[in-house]
């Protein structure tokens, strides 16, 4: 019974998380300034072995790229030095099991999270 309740909670949480805005992402911007990161996407998504996280940065700085499972446990984290303009992060599945994950790009005053599906 507890497992059924947990699964139901995760499903409702995931569904509501995915409906945060029309593009299926959550953006937390602590300031009202120009966004630093934009055009964030993963291709291919869903993927089997590897995917590329693509985004544009309006300034050079360190971005923290992390991947979490649906229970909120961080399963991957990487610091990336960005350049102004188009940037790509290659993400390898390694030993992660099939399922849905949430990937996040974070700078000092901005967080962007989106879904990532491993087949």
Protein backbone atom coordinates (compact mmCIF):
# COMPACT_ATOMS: atom_id res chain seq x y z
CA UNK A 1 0.00 0.00 0.00
CA UNK A 2 2.84 2.40 0.86
CA UNK A 3 4.51 1.66 -2.48
CA UNK A 4 1.29 2.46 -4.33
CA UNK A 5 0.98 5.76 -2.49
CA UNK A 6 4.61 6.61 -3.25
CA UNK A 7 4.18 5.79 -6.94
CA UNK A 8 0.99 7.87 -7.09
CA UNK A 9 2.72 10.80 -5.36
CA UNK A 10 5.68 10.62 -7.77
CA UNK A 11 3.36 10.50 -10.76
CA UNK A 12 1.36 13.54 -9.59
CA UNK A 13 4.56 15.41 -8.67
CA UNK A 14 6.15 14.62 -12.03
CA UNK A 15 3.03 15.63 -13.94
CA UNK A 16 2.68 18.93 -12.08
CA UNK A 17 6.43 19.57 -12.46
CA UNK A 18 6.17 19.00 -16.20
CA UNK A 19 3.27 21.45 -16.47
CA UNK A 20 5.14 24.39 -14.92
CA UNK A 21 5.15 26.32 -18.20
CA UNK A 22 4.42 25.69 -21.84
CA UNK A 23 7.92 24.46 -22.69
CA UNK A 24 8.12 21.96 -19.81
CA UNK A 25 10.88 23.77 -17.96
CA UNK A 26 11.22 25.67 -14.74
CA UNK A 27 13.17 28.89 -14.67
CA UNK A 28 14.05 30.53 -11.37
CA UNK A 29 15.56 33.95 -11.86
CA UNK A 30 16.43 35.79 -8.65
CA UNK A 31 16.93 39.10 -10.46
CA UNK A 32 14.88 40.79 -13.13
CA UNK A 33 17.94 41.26 -15.34
CA UNK A 34 18.57 39.76 -18.77
CA UNK A 35 18.66 35.94 -18.55
CA UNK A 36 22.14 34.44 -18.77
CA UNK A 37 21.06 31.07 -20.21
CA UNK A 38 18.55 30.58 -23.03
CA UNK A 39 17.45 28.08 -25.68
CA UNK A 40 18.13 25.10 -23.40
CA UNK A 41 17.38 21.73 -25.02
CA UNK A 42 18.56 18.11 -25.06
CA UNK A 43 18.92 16.24 -28.34
CA UNK A 44 18.13 13.45 -28.80
CA UNK A 45 15.62 13.13 -26.00
CA UNK A 46 14.67 10.33 -25.28
CA UNK A 47 18.09 8.74 -25.83
CA UNK A 48 19.84 5.40 -25.37
CA UNK A 49 23.55 6.08 -24.82
CA UNK A 50 24.35 9.78 -25.16
CA UNK A 51 22.63 13.13 -25.58
CA UNK A 52 23.79 16.70 -26.02
CA UNK A 53 22.56 19.53 -23.82
CA UNK A 54 22.54 22.67 -25.96
CA UNK A 55 22.14 26.21 -24.67
CA UNK A 56 23.14 29.81 -25.30
CA UNK A 57 24.96 31.91 -22.72
CA UNK A 58 24.98 35.70 -22.66
CA UNK A 59 28.28 35.83 -20.74
CA UNK A 60 31.27 33.66 -19.87
CA UNK A 61 30.97 31.94 -16.51
CA UNK A 62 30.87 28.57 -14.79
CA UNK A 63 27.62 26.64 -15.15
CA UNK A 64 26.76 23.73 -12.89
CA UNK A 65 25.14 20.90 -14.88
CA UNK A 66 23.41 18.27 -12.75
CA UNK A 67 21.09 15.33 -13.31
CA UNK A 68 18.68 14.09 -10.63
CA UNK A 69 16.40 11.08 -10.48
CA UNK A 70 12.70 11.51 -9.67
CA UNK A 71 13.39 11.06 -5.97
CA UNK A 72 15.64 14.14 -6.06
CA UNK A 73 18.94 12.29 -5.67
CA UNK A 74 21.77 13.82 -7.70
CA UNK A 75 23.16 11.10 -9.99
CA UNK A 76 25.55 13.30 -12.02
CA UNK A 77 27.16 16.71 -11.57
CA UNK A 78 29.66 18.65 -13.66
CA UNK A 79 31.08 22.20 -13.72
CA UNK A 80 31.26 23.68 -17.24
CA UNK A 81 33.04 26.85 -18.38
CA UNK A 82 30.79 28.55 -20.89
CA UNK A 83 31.60 30.91 -23.68
CA UNK A 84 29.36 33.68 -24.97
CA UNK A 85 26.96 32.18 -27.51
CA UNK A 86 26.21 28.54 -28.31
CA UNK A 87 27.43 25.85 -25.86
CA UNK A 88 27.07 22.06 -25.77
CA UNK A 89 27.47 19.55 -22.95
CA UNK A 90 27.69 15.88 -23.92
CA UNK A 91 25.99 13.62 -21.37
CA UNK A 92 26.63 9.86 -21.31
CA UNK A 93 24.13 7.49 -19.74
CA UNK A 94 26.84 5.30 -18.19
CA UNK A 95 25.17 3.04 -15.58
CA UNK A 96 21.88 4.95 -15.20
CA UNK A 97 18.76 2.83 -15.61
CA UNK A 98 15.93 3.59 -18.03
CA UNK A 99 13.51 6.26 -16.92
CA UNK A 100 12.90 9.96 -16.50
CA UNK A 101 15.45 12.32 -14.95
CA UNK A 102 15.58 16.07 -14.39
CA UNK A 103 18.62 17.95 -15.67
CA UNK A 104 19.51 21.38 -14.35
CA UNK A 105 21.76 24.20 -15.52
CA UNK A 106 22.56 26.63 -12.72
CA UNK A 107 24.49 29.89 -12.59
CA UNK A 108 24.73 32.30 -9.67
CA UNK A 109 21.25 33.81 -10.12
CA UNK A 110 19.44 31.51 -12.56
CA UNK A 111 18.31 27.87 -12.58
CA UNK A 112 16.82 26.06 -15.58
CA UNK A 113 15.48 22.49 -15.20
CA UNK A 114 14.06 20.19 -17.85
CA UNK A 115 13.16 16.53 -18.33
CA UNK A 116 15.50 13.93 -19.74
CA UNK A 117 14.36 10.43 -20.69
CA UNK A 118 16.64 7.40 -20.99
CA UNK A 119 15.32 4.50 -23.10
